[in-house]
Amino acid sequence: MSILPIGTLVTNSTALALCDTFGLDYISQRIRDHPHVYRPWIFDGVSGIPDWIFNFFGDREAVTSRCALVHDLAYAYGELGDSEERKNADRIFYHNLIKIGKVNPLIAKLCYLAVRVGGHQEYGFSFTWGFADTRIKRISDRPLPWTY
């Protein structure tokens, strides 16, 4: 059973509960300090590709609920303009894919490179750095339609 089903609307209260589950205290504190800054968002699993693909490359459930979700929380509430925080979130994602998701290191590296290239906050997509922050303009609030 997934911790958070794909397609779930994530509010600040949902995010706080998830941060408690994963021990993401710095994100919890950020949300508590500035709750008015963050908008709800839809959890789409591994952004950009359908999660079922990980049936072939690792533990799909772990990839979705323990790797992608943690990465999404870090990205949603990431400090705008903080390239080191973003890089750290991407490194954690890469290592979690291998250790927790049982993904082949080559596939994990491809996922890492995809988030490094596609995750810049300036792109304004539903999965880019700081995507829950109301201070940045987003092109779309909806996840990519083929991801879930």
Protein backbone atom coordinates (compact mmCIF):
# COMPACT_ATOMS: atom_id res chain seq x y z
CA MET A 1 0.00 0.00 0.00
CA SER A 2 1.39 3.37 -1.00
CA ILE A 3 1.97 6.04 1.64
CA LEU A 4 0.30 8.54 -0.70
CA PRO A 5 -1.60 7.41 -3.79
CA ILE A 6 -0.67 9.02 -7.09
CA GLY A 7 -3.15 11.77 -7.92
CA THR A 8 -3.57 12.90 -4.29
CA LEU A 9 -3.81 16.62 -3.62
CA VAL A 10 -1.06 17.54 -1.15
CA THR A 11 -1.94 20.40 1.19
CA ASN A 12 0.34 21.93 3.81
CA SER A 13 -1.16 19.68 6.49
CA THR A 14 -0.61 16.59 4.32
CA ALA A 15 2.95 17.70 3.62
CA LEU A 16 3.62 18.22 7.32
CA ALA A 17 2.43 14.69 8.11
CA LEU A 18 4.60 13.27 5.30
CA CYS A 19 7.61 15.26 6.48
CA ASP A 20 7.12 13.77 9.96
CA THR A 21 6.98 10.29 8.41
CA PHE A 22 10.21 10.81 6.47
CA GLY A 23 12.05 12.90 9.08
CA LEU A 24 12.20 16.00 6.87
CA ASP A 25 12.29 18.44 9.77
CA TYR A 26 13.78 21.31 7.78
CA ILE A 27 10.85 21.21 5.36
CA SER A 28 8.33 20.95 8.20
CA GLN A 29 9.84 24.03 9.77
CA ARG A 30 9.76 25.92 6.48
CA ILE A 31 6.06 25.14 5.99
CA ARG A 32 5.24 26.08 9.60
CA ASP A 33 7.17 29.35 9.31
CA HIS A 34 5.52 30.40 6.04
CA PRO A 35 2.29 28.42 5.45
CA HIS A 36 0.77 31.18 3.29
CA VAL A 37 3.61 30.85 0.75
CA TYR A 38 2.74 27.32 -0.39
CA ARG A 39 -0.06 26.13 -2.66
CA PRO A 40 -1.51 22.62 -2.82
CA TRP A 41 -0.09 20.28 -5.46
CA ILE A 42 -0.87 16.89 -6.96
CA PHE A 43 1.46 13.98 -6.26
CA ASP A 44 2.29 12.40 -9.62
CA GLY A 45 4.79 9.75 -8.58
CA VAL A 46 7.93 9.82 -10.71
CA SER A 47 7.34 13.02 -12.67
CA GLY A 48 7.67 12.73 -16.42
CA ILE A 49 7.34 8.97 -16.78
CA PRO A 50 4.68 6.44 -15.82
CA ASP A 51 5.56 4.76 -12.52
CA TRP A 52 4.63 1.30 -13.84
CA ILE A 53 7.87 1.37 -15.85
CA PHE A 54 9.69 0.77 -12.57
CA ASN A 55 8.11 -2.69 -12.43
CA PHE A 56 10.91 -3.56 -14.87
CA PHE A 57 13.74 -1.68 -13.17
CA GLY A 58 13.21 -1.97 -9.42
CA ASP A 59 10.62 -1.95 -6.66
CA ARG A 60 7.88 0.24 -8.11
CA GLU A 61 6.12 0.82 -4.81
CA ALA A 62 9.32 1.89 -3.06
CA VAL A 63 10.35 4.10 -5.98
CA THR A 64 6.98 5.87 -5.92
CA SER A 65 6.27 6.16 -2.20
CA ARG A 66 9.76 6.38 -0.70
CA CYS A 67 11.96 7.87 -3.43
CA ALA A 68 9.78 10.06 -5.66
CA LEU A 69 7.60 11.31 -2.80
CA VAL A 70 10.57 12.38 -0.68
CA HIS A 71 12.09 14.08 -3.74
CA ASP A 72 8.79 15.82 -4.51
CA LEU A 73 8.56 17.16 -0.96
CA ALA A 74 12.09 18.53 -1.22
CA TYR A 75 11.28 20.13 -4.59
CA ALA A 76 7.83 21.46 -3.66
CA TYR A 77 9.11 23.28 -0.60
CA GLY A 78 12.66 23.92 -1.78
CA GLU A 79 14.20 27.30 -0.98
CA LEU A 80 13.95 29.35 -4.17
CA GLY A 81 17.33 29.98 -5.74
CA ASP A 82 19.18 27.52 -3.48
CA SER A 83 21.11 25.42 -5.99
CA GLU A 84 22.97 23.50 -3.25
CA GLU A 85 19.73 22.42 -1.56
CA ARG A 86 18.39 21.30 -4.93
CA LYS A 87 21.57 19.40 -5.77
CA ASN A 88 21.42 17.68 -2.38
CA ALA A 89 17.77 16.68 -2.95
CA ASP A 90 18.76 15.19 -6.31
CA ARG A 91 21.69 13.28 -4.79
CA ILE A 92 19.41 11.85 -2.11
CA PHE A 93 16.92 10.85 -4.83
CA TYR A 94 19.69 9.03 -6.75
CA HIS A 95 20.91 7.15 -3.67
CA ASN A 96 17.35 6.32 -2.56
CA LEU A 97 16.56 4.88 -5.99
CA ILE A 98 19.47 2.47 -5.65
CA LYS A 99 19.24 1.66 -1.93
CA ILE A 100 15.47 1.74 -1.30
CA GLY A 101 13.99 1.37 -4.79
CA LYS A 102 16.40 -1.38 -5.87
CA VAL A 103 16.93 0.44 -9.18
CA ASN A 104 19.97 -0.42 -11.28
CA PRO A 105 22.61 2.30 -10.79
CA LEU A 106 22.64 3.13 -14.51
CA ILE A 107 18.86 3.73 -14.53
CA ALA A 108 19.18 5.70 -11.29
CA LYS A 109 21.88 7.85 -12.92
CA LEU A 110 19.55 8.54 -15.87
CA CYS A 111 16.81 9.60 -13.43
CA TYR A 112 19.32 11.79 -11.59
CA LEU A 113 20.40 13.47 -14.83
CA ALA A 114 16.76 14.00 -15.81
CA VAL A 115 16.00 15.87 -12.57
CA ARG A 116 19.22 17.86 -12.81
CA VAL A 117 18.37 18.99 -16.36
CA GLY A 118 14.59 19.29 -16.08
CA GLY A 119 14.15 20.51 -12.51
CA HIS A 120 15.27 24.15 -12.75
CA GLN A 121 12.77 26.47 -11.05
CA GLU A 122 12.82 28.81 -14.06
CA TYR A 123 11.01 26.21 -16.18
CA GLY A 124 7.84 26.65 -14.12
CA PHE A 125 6.43 23.16 -14.50
CA SER A 126 4.44 21.22 -11.91
CA PHE A 127 7.60 19.31 -10.95
CA THR A 128 10.37 21.93 -11.03
CA TRP A 129 12.20 23.32 -7.99
CA GLY A 130 9.92 25.26 -5.66
CA PHE A 131 6.76 24.17 -7.49
CA ALA A 132 4.51 24.66 -4.44
CA ASP A 133 5.81 28.18 -3.84
CA THR A 134 3.29 30.86 -4.78
CA ARG A 135 6.06 33.39 -5.43
CA ILE A 136 7.02 31.77 -8.71
CA LYS A 137 4.93 31.65 -11.86
CA ARG A 138 4.14 28.19 -13.08
CA ILE A 139 3.31 27.27 -16.63
CA SER A 140 1.00 24.52 -15.38
CA ASP A 141 -0.36 23.31 -12.07
CA ARG A 142 -1.22 19.92 -13.54
CA PRO A 143 1.19 16.99 -13.71
CA LEU A 144 2.05 15.60 -17.12
CA PRO A 145 -0.98 13.54 -18.22
CA TRP A 146 0.90 10.33 -19.03
CA THR A 147 2.58 10.07 -15.62
CA TYR A 148 -0.38 8.47 -13.85
